[in-house]
């Protein structure tokens, strides 16, 4: 089910976030963390920290190619809104990241839409992504 971040944007699951390749391993085709994740974050248009979230692996791959990050990061699949709320909460609390970027083109020098993390979390929870 899509989750609204604004009146004109919808995010479908699964989606993906990028992490440093050295903090994950693949077992039976599934990525698993080796210790604490090291999330890839970018600077927003206003200079705030932002977590890029990708609608699919193709968008993440294009971002990595344009940003010269091929081989440095890997995409972790986020299956549902509940998991994305957990990730957004963690990056906000642990790293002070304040915004979310959906499908940014590259890591720097781009125009993209950004949403405050609090707004994204609120919208995800409103659409049923409650934590237990």
Protein backbone atom coordinates (compact mmCIF):
# COMPACT_ATOMS: atom_id res chain seq x y z
CA UNK A 1 0.00 0.00 0.00
CA UNK A 2 1.45 3.41 -0.92
CA UNK A 3 2.26 5.82 1.89
CA UNK A 4 1.78 9.57 1.38
CA UNK A 5 4.64 11.98 2.11
CA UNK A 6 2.68 14.87 0.58
CA UNK A 7 -0.48 15.42 -1.41
CA UNK A 8 1.34 14.74 -4.69
CA UNK A 9 3.80 12.00 -3.79
CA UNK A 10 3.27 8.35 -2.98
CA UNK A 11 5.88 5.83 -1.88
CA UNK A 12 5.27 2.14 -2.54
CA UNK A 13 6.90 -0.76 -0.77
CA UNK A 14 9.27 -2.40 -0.99
CA UNK A 15 11.67 0.53 -1.34
CA UNK A 16 15.36 0.83 -0.54
CA UNK A 17 18.04 2.75 1.33
CA UNK A 18 21.79 2.68 0.79
CA UNK A 19 24.34 1.50 3.33
CA UNK A 20 28.11 1.10 3.27
CA UNK A 21 28.85 -2.26 1.65
CA UNK A 22 31.23 -3.23 4.46
CA UNK A 23 28.45 -3.32 7.06
CA UNK A 24 26.33 -5.97 5.30
CA UNK A 25 26.64 -9.53 4.13
CA UNK A 26 24.43 -11.52 1.81
CA UNK A 27 23.16 -14.88 3.01
CA UNK A 28 20.86 -16.92 0.78
CA UNK A 29 20.29 -13.81 -1.35
CA UNK A 30 19.21 -11.69 1.62
CA UNK A 31 21.28 -8.76 2.94
CA UNK A 32 21.98 -8.80 6.67
CA UNK A 33 23.80 -6.27 8.82
CA UNK A 34 27.21 -7.05 10.29
CA UNK A 35 27.06 -4.83 13.37
CA UNK A 36 25.69 -1.28 13.22
CA UNK A 37 24.57 -0.01 9.81
CA UNK A 38 26.37 2.91 8.22
CA UNK A 39 23.62 4.71 6.28
CA UNK A 40 24.42 6.77 3.20
CA UNK A 41 23.18 10.32 3.77
CA UNK A 42 23.35 13.38 1.55
CA UNK A 43 22.99 17.14 1.97
CA UNK A 44 19.58 18.59 1.15
CA UNK A 45 19.00 21.75 -0.87
CA UNK A 46 19.10 23.67 2.43
CA UNK A 47 22.29 21.98 3.62
CA UNK A 48 20.55 19.68 6.12
CA UNK A 49 21.35 15.98 6.31
CA UNK A 50 18.97 13.82 4.30
CA UNK A 51 18.44 10.09 3.93
CA UNK A 52 17.85 9.10 0.30
CA UNK A 53 15.07 6.54 -0.18
CA UNK A 54 14.71 4.80 -3.53
CA UNK A 55 11.54 3.46 -5.12
CA UNK A 56 13.43 0.61 -6.76
CA UNK A 57 16.87 -0.82 -7.38
CA UNK A 58 17.12 0.93 -10.76
CA UNK A 59 16.79 4.37 -9.13
CA UNK A 60 19.41 3.42 -6.53
CA UNK A 61 21.78 2.16 -9.24
CA UNK A 62 21.42 5.34 -11.31
CA UNK A 63 22.15 7.40 -8.16
CA UNK A 64 25.26 5.32 -7.41
CA UNK A 65 26.58 5.64 -10.97
CA UNK A 66 25.98 9.43 -11.05
CA UNK A 67 27.58 9.82 -7.61
CA UNK A 68 30.61 7.55 -8.23
CA UNK A 69 29.47 5.21 -5.44
CA UNK A 70 29.36 1.93 -7.37
CA UNK A 71 31.05 -0.72 -5.24
CA UNK A 72 30.99 1.48 -2.12
CA UNK A 73 27.36 1.03 -1.07
CA UNK A 74 24.60 -1.54 -1.35
CA UNK A 75 20.84 -1.17 -1.32
CA UNK A 76 18.96 -2.58 1.63
CA UNK A 77 15.35 -3.44 0.82
CA UNK A 78 12.76 -1.88 3.13
CA UNK A 79 9.73 -4.15 3.01
CA UNK A 80 7.12 -1.93 4.65
CA UNK A 81 6.30 1.36 6.35
CA UNK A 82 6.98 -0.04 9.81
CA UNK A 83 10.59 -0.81 8.89
CA UNK A 84 11.03 2.58 7.22
CA UNK A 85 9.76 4.30 10.38
CA UNK A 86 12.39 2.39 12.38
CA UNK A 87 15.16 3.45 9.98
CA UNK A 88 14.04 7.10 9.84
CA UNK A 89 13.79 7.24 13.63
CA UNK A 90 17.27 5.75 13.99
CA UNK A 91 18.98 8.12 11.55
CA UNK A 92 17.20 11.11 13.10
CA UNK A 93 18.15 10.18 16.66
CA UNK A 94 21.63 8.74 16.08
CA UNK A 95 22.91 11.02 13.32
CA UNK A 96 20.76 14.15 13.47
CA UNK A 97 19.45 13.58 9.94
CA UNK A 98 16.46 15.88 9.42
CA UNK A 99 15.11 15.14 5.95
CA UNK A 100 14.19 12.42 3.47
CA UNK A 101 14.96 12.59 -0.26
CA UNK A 102 13.01 10.35 -2.60
CA UNK A 103 14.90 9.10 -5.67
CA UNK A 104 17.57 11.81 -5.76
CA UNK A 105 19.57 11.87 -8.98
CA UNK A 106 23.00 12.08 -7.36
CA UNK A 107 24.71 12.89 -4.06
CA UNK A 108 25.52 16.55 -4.79
CA UNK A 109 24.53 19.34 -7.14
CA UNK A 110 21.00 18.23 -7.91
CA UNK A 111 17.46 19.46 -7.53
CA UNK A 112 15.19 17.15 -5.58
CA UNK A 113 12.22 17.22 -3.26
CA UNK A 114 12.92 16.80 0.42
CA UNK A 115 10.53 16.04 3.27
CA UNK A 116 11.17 16.57 6.99
CA UNK A 117 11.76 13.20 8.66
CA UNK A 118 9.11 14.00 11.28
CA UNK A 119 6.53 14.54 8.53
CA UNK A 120 7.51 11.29 6.79
CA UNK A 121 7.26 9.33 10.06
CA UNK A 122 3.90 10.93 10.84
CA UNK A 123 2.52 10.06 7.39
CA UNK A 124 3.80 6.48 7.58
CA UNK A 125 2.26 5.98 11.02
CA UNK A 126 -1.01 7.53 9.85
CA UNK A 127 -1.07 4.91 7.10
CA UNK A 128 -0.67 2.04 9.54
CA UNK A 129 3.07 1.76 10.18
CA UNK A 130 2.81 1.59 13.96
CA UNK A 131 5.68 0.26 16.04
CA UNK A 132 5.06 -2.37 18.70
